[in-house]
Amino acid sequence: SSVTARMIPPMEMWGQPLPETVGSAPLDWRSLGFEYIPTRSHVRFAWKDGQWDTGHTFQDPYLPVHILANVFHYGQALFEGFKGFHTK
């Protein structure tokens, strides 16, 4: 199975053009690619018993993540926090 992704232009994503400069980094922000670029594999390393393993290569584009990982709940926590703050 192949995975294809459409590059979303900045105007479509944010509704306004990208600024010429952002912070002090001398980067060409217009040509930075934040789109998904499929690769043929990725490597995962695991920390166990006080050391990293030698790593394993996986060809699928998926990474198993526990449902209670903070990455999934961070946005919801911010949203609820803002609601609480603005209704105080």
N, C-alpha and C. Protein backbone atom coordinates (compact mmCIF):
# COMPACT_ATOMS: atom_id res chain seq x y z
N SER A 1 0.84 -1.18 0.00
CA SER A 1 0.00 0.00 0.00
C SER A 1 0.88 1.24 0.00
N SER A 2 0.49 2.23 -0.77
CA SER A 2 1.27 3.46 -0.81
C SER A 2 0.52 4.56 -0.08
N VAL A 3 1.28 5.46 0.48
CA VAL A 3 0.70 6.58 1.21
C VAL A 3 1.03 7.84 0.43
N THR A 4 0.02 8.61 0.10
CA THR A 4 0.25 9.87 -0.60
C THR A 4 -0.30 10.99 0.25
N ALA A 5 0.35 12.11 0.19
CA ALA A 5 -0.09 13.27 0.96
C ALA A 5 -0.07 14.49 0.06
N ARG A 6 -1.01 15.36 0.27
CA ARG A 6 -1.09 16.58 -0.51
C ARG A 6 -0.42 17.69 0.28
N MET A 7 0.45 18.44 -0.39
CA MET A 7 1.09 19.58 0.26
C MET A 7 0.06 20.71 0.36
N ILE A 8 -0.09 21.26 1.54
CA ILE A 8 -1.06 22.33 1.76
C ILE A 8 -0.33 23.66 1.72
N PRO A 9 -0.68 24.53 0.77
CA PRO A 9 -0.02 25.84 0.70
C PRO A 9 -0.30 26.66 1.95
N PRO A 10 0.64 27.53 2.35
CA PRO A 10 0.45 28.34 3.57
C PRO A 10 -0.84 29.16 3.56
N MET A 11 -1.22 29.72 2.41
CA MET A 11 -2.43 30.53 2.36
C MET A 11 -3.66 29.69 2.71
N GLU A 12 -3.66 28.44 2.28
CA GLU A 12 -4.80 27.56 2.56
C GLU A 12 -4.80 27.13 4.02
N MET A 13 -3.62 26.91 4.58
CA MET A 13 -3.52 26.42 5.95
C MET A 13 -3.78 27.53 6.97
N TRP A 14 -3.16 28.69 6.78
CA TRP A 14 -3.25 29.75 7.80
C TRP A 14 -4.08 30.94 7.35
N GLY A 15 -4.47 31.00 6.09
CA GLY A 15 -5.29 32.09 5.61
C GLY A 15 -4.55 33.39 5.38
N GLN A 16 -3.25 33.35 5.49
CA GLN A 16 -2.44 34.55 5.24
C GLN A 16 -1.05 34.12 4.79
N PRO A 17 -0.35 34.98 4.08
CA PRO A 17 0.99 34.59 3.63
C PRO A 17 1.95 34.45 4.80
N LEU A 18 2.98 33.66 4.59
CA LEU A 18 4.02 33.53 5.61
C LEU A 18 4.80 34.84 5.71
N PRO A 19 5.20 35.23 6.91
CA PRO A 19 6.01 36.45 7.05
C PRO A 19 7.38 36.25 6.42
N GLU A 20 7.99 37.35 6.05
CA GLU A 20 9.33 37.28 5.45
C GLU A 20 10.36 36.78 6.45
N THR A 21 10.25 37.20 7.70
CA THR A 21 11.19 36.76 8.73
C THR A 21 10.41 36.28 9.95
N VAL A 22 10.95 35.27 10.59
CA VAL A 22 10.37 34.75 11.82
C VAL A 22 11.52 34.60 12.80
N GLY A 23 11.50 35.36 13.87
CA GLY A 23 12.60 35.30 14.83
C GLY A 23 13.90 35.77 14.20
N SER A 24 15.02 35.28 14.74
CA SER A 24 16.32 35.72 14.24
C SER A 24 17.00 34.67 13.36
N ALA A 25 16.33 33.54 13.12
CA ALA A 25 16.94 32.48 12.30
C ALA A 25 16.95 32.89 10.83
N PRO A 26 18.10 32.80 10.17
CA PRO A 26 18.18 33.17 8.75
C PRO A 26 17.69 32.03 7.85
N LEU A 27 16.40 31.72 7.93
CA LEU A 27 15.83 30.62 7.17
C LEU A 27 14.95 31.13 6.05
N ASP A 28 14.93 30.41 4.95
CA ASP A 28 14.02 30.70 3.85
C ASP A 28 12.72 29.97 4.16
N TRP A 29 11.82 30.62 4.91
CA TRP A 29 10.61 29.98 5.40
C TRP A 29 9.69 29.53 4.29
N ARG A 30 9.73 30.20 3.14
CA ARG A 30 8.84 29.84 2.04
C ARG A 30 9.22 28.50 1.41
N SER A 31 10.48 28.11 1.52
CA SER A 31 10.88 26.86 0.87
C SER A 31 11.07 25.71 1.87
N LEU A 32 10.80 25.95 3.16
CA LEU A 32 10.87 24.86 4.14
C LEU A 32 9.70 23.92 3.91
N GLY A 33 9.98 22.64 3.87
CA GLY A 33 8.92 21.68 3.64
C GLY A 33 8.42 21.07 4.93
N PHE A 34 7.17 21.29 5.25
CA PHE A 34 6.57 20.68 6.43
C PHE A 34 5.59 19.58 6.03
N GLU A 35 5.57 19.26 4.74
CA GLU A 35 4.66 18.23 4.28
C GLU A 35 5.19 16.84 4.62
N TYR A 36 4.32 15.88 4.56
CA TYR A 36 4.69 14.49 4.82
C TYR A 36 5.48 13.97 3.62
N ILE A 37 6.62 13.40 3.88
CA ILE A 37 7.44 12.80 2.83
C ILE A 37 7.59 11.33 3.14
N PRO A 38 6.94 10.46 2.36
CA PRO A 38 7.03 9.03 2.64
C PRO A 38 8.47 8.52 2.51
N THR A 39 8.83 7.62 3.38
CA THR A 39 10.14 6.97 3.31
C THR A 39 9.91 5.46 3.26
N ARG A 40 10.94 4.71 2.92
CA ARG A 40 10.74 3.26 2.78
C ARG A 40 10.84 2.54 4.11
N SER A 41 11.39 3.20 5.15
CA SER A 41 11.48 2.55 6.46
C SER A 41 11.84 3.58 7.52
N HIS A 42 11.79 3.14 8.76
CA HIS A 42 12.28 3.96 9.88
C HIS A 42 12.88 3.02 10.92
N VAL A 43 13.69 3.57 11.80
CA VAL A 43 14.38 2.78 12.82
C VAL A 43 13.85 3.17 14.18
N ARG A 44 13.58 2.18 15.01
CA ARG A 44 13.14 2.42 16.39
C ARG A 44 14.17 1.85 17.35
N PHE A 45 14.47 2.62 18.36
CA PHE A 45 15.35 2.18 19.43
C PHE A 45 14.54 2.14 20.72
N ALA A 46 14.83 1.20 21.59
CA ALA A 46 14.11 1.08 22.86
C ALA A 46 15.09 1.14 24.03
N TRP A 47 14.70 1.84 25.07
CA TRP A 47 15.48 1.95 26.30
C TRP A 47 14.99 0.88 27.25
N LYS A 48 15.84 -0.04 27.63
CA LYS A 48 15.44 -1.12 28.52
C LYS A 48 16.61 -1.51 29.41
N ASP A 49 16.34 -1.70 30.68
CA ASP A 49 17.36 -2.10 31.64
C ASP A 49 18.58 -1.18 31.63
N GLY A 50 18.32 0.13 31.52
CA GLY A 50 19.39 1.11 31.62
C GLY A 50 20.24 1.29 30.37
N GLN A 51 19.80 0.75 29.23
CA GLN A 51 20.58 0.96 28.01
C GLN A 51 19.68 0.88 26.77
N TRP A 52 20.17 1.46 25.67
CA TRP A 52 19.45 1.41 24.41
C TRP A 52 19.74 0.10 23.70
N ASP A 53 18.74 -0.43 23.02
CA ASP A 53 18.99 -1.62 22.21
C ASP A 53 19.67 -1.21 20.90
N THR A 54 19.94 -2.17 20.04
CA THR A 54 20.65 -1.88 18.79
C THR A 54 19.74 -1.33 17.70
N GLY A 55 18.45 -1.29 17.95
CA GLY A 55 17.51 -0.71 16.99
C GLY A 55 16.96 -1.76 16.04
N HIS A 56 15.78 -1.48 15.54
CA HIS A 56 15.12 -2.36 14.59
C HIS A 56 14.52 -1.51 13.47
N THR A 57 14.60 -1.99 12.25
CA THR A 57 14.06 -1.29 11.09
C THR A 57 12.65 -1.77 10.81
N PHE A 58 11.74 -0.82 10.56
CA PHE A 58 10.35 -1.13 10.26
C PHE A 58 9.99 -0.50 8.93
N GLN A 59 9.29 -1.24 8.09
CA GLN A 59 8.91 -0.70 6.78
C GLN A 59 7.53 -0.05 6.77
N ASP A 60 6.71 -0.31 7.77
CA ASP A 60 5.40 0.33 7.78
C ASP A 60 5.54 1.77 8.29
N PRO A 61 4.62 2.66 7.90
CA PRO A 61 4.73 4.06 8.31
C PRO A 61 4.08 4.37 9.66
N TYR A 62 3.74 3.33 10.42
CA TYR A 62 3.01 3.55 11.67
C TYR A 62 3.90 3.36 12.88
N LEU A 63 3.58 4.10 13.92
CA LEU A 63 4.30 4.02 15.18
C LEU A 63 3.28 3.77 16.28
N PRO A 64 3.36 2.65 16.97
CA PRO A 64 2.37 2.40 18.03
C PRO A 64 2.60 3.34 19.22
N VAL A 65 1.54 4.00 19.64
CA VAL A 65 1.62 4.93 20.76
C VAL A 65 0.47 4.60 21.71
N HIS A 66 0.77 4.54 22.98
CA HIS A 66 -0.25 4.22 23.98
C HIS A 66 -1.32 5.30 23.99
N ILE A 67 -2.56 4.90 24.18
CA ILE A 67 -3.68 5.84 24.15
C ILE A 67 -3.59 6.89 25.26
N LEU A 68 -2.90 6.60 26.34
CA LEU A 68 -2.77 7.57 27.43
C LEU A 68 -1.54 8.46 27.29
N ALA A 69 -0.86 8.38 26.15
CA ALA A 69 0.31 9.24 25.95
C ALA A 69 -0.13 10.69 25.99
N ASN A 70 0.65 11.53 26.65
CA ASN A 70 0.29 12.94 26.80
C ASN A 70 0.12 13.66 25.47
N VAL A 71 0.74 13.18 24.43
CA VAL A 71 0.65 13.85 23.14
C VAL A 71 -0.80 13.95 22.68
N PHE A 72 -1.64 12.97 23.02
CA PHE A 72 -3.03 13.00 22.62
C PHE A 72 -3.89 13.88 23.52
N HIS A 73 -3.48 14.06 24.74
CA HIS A 73 -4.31 14.77 25.71
C HIS A 73 -3.86 16.20 25.94
N TYR A 74 -2.71 16.58 25.41
CA TYR A 74 -2.17 17.92 25.63
C TYR A 74 -3.10 18.99 25.05
N GLY A 75 -3.52 18.81 23.80
CA GLY A 75 -4.41 19.79 23.17
C GLY A 75 -5.74 19.90 23.90
N GLN A 76 -6.29 18.78 24.31
CA GLN A 76 -7.55 18.80 25.05
C GLN A 76 -7.38 19.51 26.39
N ALA A 77 -6.25 19.30 27.05
CA ALA A 77 -6.00 19.96 28.33
C ALA A 77 -5.88 21.47 28.13
N LEU A 78 -5.23 21.90 27.06
CA LEU A 78 -5.14 23.34 26.79
C LEU A 78 -6.52 23.93 26.54
N PHE A 79 -7.31 23.24 25.72
CA PHE A 79 -8.65 23.71 25.40
C PHE A 79 -9.49 23.86 26.67
N GLU A 80 -9.48 22.84 27.51
CA GLU A 80 -10.26 22.90 28.75
C GLU A 80 -9.73 23.99 29.68
N GLY A 81 -8.42 24.16 29.71
CA GLY A 81 -7.82 25.21 30.54
C GLY A 81 -8.22 26.58 30.09
N PHE A 82 -8.23 26.80 28.77
CA PHE A 82 -8.65 28.10 28.23
C PHE A 82 -10.11 28.37 28.55
N LYS A 83 -10.95 27.33 28.43
CA LYS A 83 -12.37 27.51 28.76
C LYS A 83 -12.52 27.93 30.21
N GLY A 84 -11.81 27.23 31.11
CA GLY A 84 -11.88 27.56 32.51
C GLY A 84 -11.37 28.96 32.81
N PHE A 85 -10.29 29.36 32.15
CA PHE A 85 -9.70 30.67 32.38
C PHE A 85 -10.63 31.79 31.89
N HIS A 86 -11.23 31.58 30.72
CA HIS A 86 -12.06 32.63 30.13
C HIS A 86 -13.44 32.74 30.77
N THR A 87 -13.84 31.73 31.52
CA THR A 87 -15.16 31.80 32.16
C THR A 87 -15.03 32.12 33.65
N LYS A 88 -13.82 32.40 34.10
CA LYS A 88 -13.57 32.66 35.51
C LYS A 88 -14.23 33.95 35.98
